[in-house]
Amino acid sequence: MIEAVALTYGMLLSFVLSGASHNRKLERPNPPMLNYVGYVLFGATVTAALLLAGYGVWGMATGAALAV
């Protein structure tokens, strides 16, 4: 299941970044949907990074094994 989520995330991120890059080159504004999807992906990335960092700090502080 995690593979499907990772593939979907990667495809969406690739689409958003290439679309934004293309629009910047042509000096056009991004469509609102591209901005919304970009903000959602950015929020998901930051949330995952903070959760994983907190989990790592908790594991180091308690001496728990960080096996997944």
Protein backbone atom coordinates (compact mmCIF):
# COMPACT_ATOMS: atom_id res chain seq x y z
CA MET A 1 0.00 0.00 0.00
CA ILE A 2 2.84 2.41 0.80
CA GLU A 3 4.19 1.89 -2.71
CA ALA A 4 0.97 3.16 -4.29
CA VAL A 5 0.95 6.22 -2.03
CA ALA A 6 4.62 6.96 -2.77
CA LEU A 7 4.06 6.58 -6.52
CA THR A 8 1.01 8.86 -6.47
CA TYR A 9 2.84 11.44 -4.34
CA GLY A 10 5.85 11.37 -6.66
CA MET A 11 3.75 11.72 -9.80
CA LEU A 12 1.75 14.63 -8.37
CA LEU A 13 4.89 16.37 -7.15
CA SER A 14 6.57 15.92 -10.52
CA PHE A 15 3.52 17.30 -12.32
CA VAL A 16 3.23 20.33 -10.02
CA LEU A 17 6.92 21.22 -10.17
CA SER A 18 7.19 20.82 -13.95
CA GLY A 19 4.00 22.83 -14.49
CA ALA A 20 5.17 25.64 -12.22
CA SER A 21 8.59 25.67 -13.88
CA HIS A 22 7.03 25.81 -17.34
CA ASN A 23 4.70 28.64 -16.34
CA ARG A 24 7.58 30.59 -14.82
CA LYS A 25 9.56 30.28 -18.05
CA LEU A 26 6.61 31.59 -20.04
CA GLU A 27 5.96 34.29 -17.40
CA ARG A 28 2.38 33.12 -16.87
CA PRO A 29 0.53 32.77 -13.57
CA ASN A 30 -0.11 29.28 -12.28
CA PRO A 31 -3.67 27.97 -12.42
CA PRO A 32 -5.36 27.96 -8.99
CA MET A 33 -5.63 24.15 -8.92
CA LEU A 34 -1.87 23.83 -9.44
CA ASN A 35 -1.29 26.15 -6.48
CA TYR A 36 -3.75 24.25 -4.27
CA VAL A 37 -2.24 20.86 -5.05
CA GLY A 38 1.24 22.30 -4.50
CA TYR A 39 0.25 23.66 -1.08
CA VAL A 40 -1.30 20.32 -0.07
CA LEU A 41 1.82 18.42 -1.12
CA PHE A 42 4.04 20.91 0.69
CA GLY A 43 1.93 20.57 3.84
CA ALA A 44 2.04 16.78 3.65
CA THR A 45 5.81 16.83 3.21
CA VAL A 46 6.39 19.18 6.15
CA THR A 47 4.00 17.19 8.36
CA ALA A 48 5.71 13.90 7.53
CA ALA A 49 9.15 15.42 8.13
CA LEU A 50 8.14 16.78 11.54
CA LEU A 51 6.46 13.54 12.60
CA LEU A 52 9.44 11.44 11.55
CA ALA A 53 11.88 13.82 13.25
CA GLY A 54 9.82 13.69 16.44
CA TYR A 55 9.69 9.91 16.26
CA GLY A 56 13.47 9.81 15.84
CA VAL A 57 14.08 12.16 18.76
CA TRP A 58 11.66 10.18 20.93
CA GLY A 59 13.43 6.94 20.00
CA MET A 60 16.84 8.37 20.84
CA ALA A 61 15.62 9.83 24.11
CA THR A 62 13.97 6.64 25.33
CA GLY A 63 16.45 4.22 23.82
CA ALA A 64 13.67 2.49 21.90
CA ALA A 65 14.57 0.63 18.75
CA LEU A 66 13.42 2.47 15.65
CA ALA A 67 12.52 -0.64 13.69
CA VAL A 68 9.68 -0.27 11.24
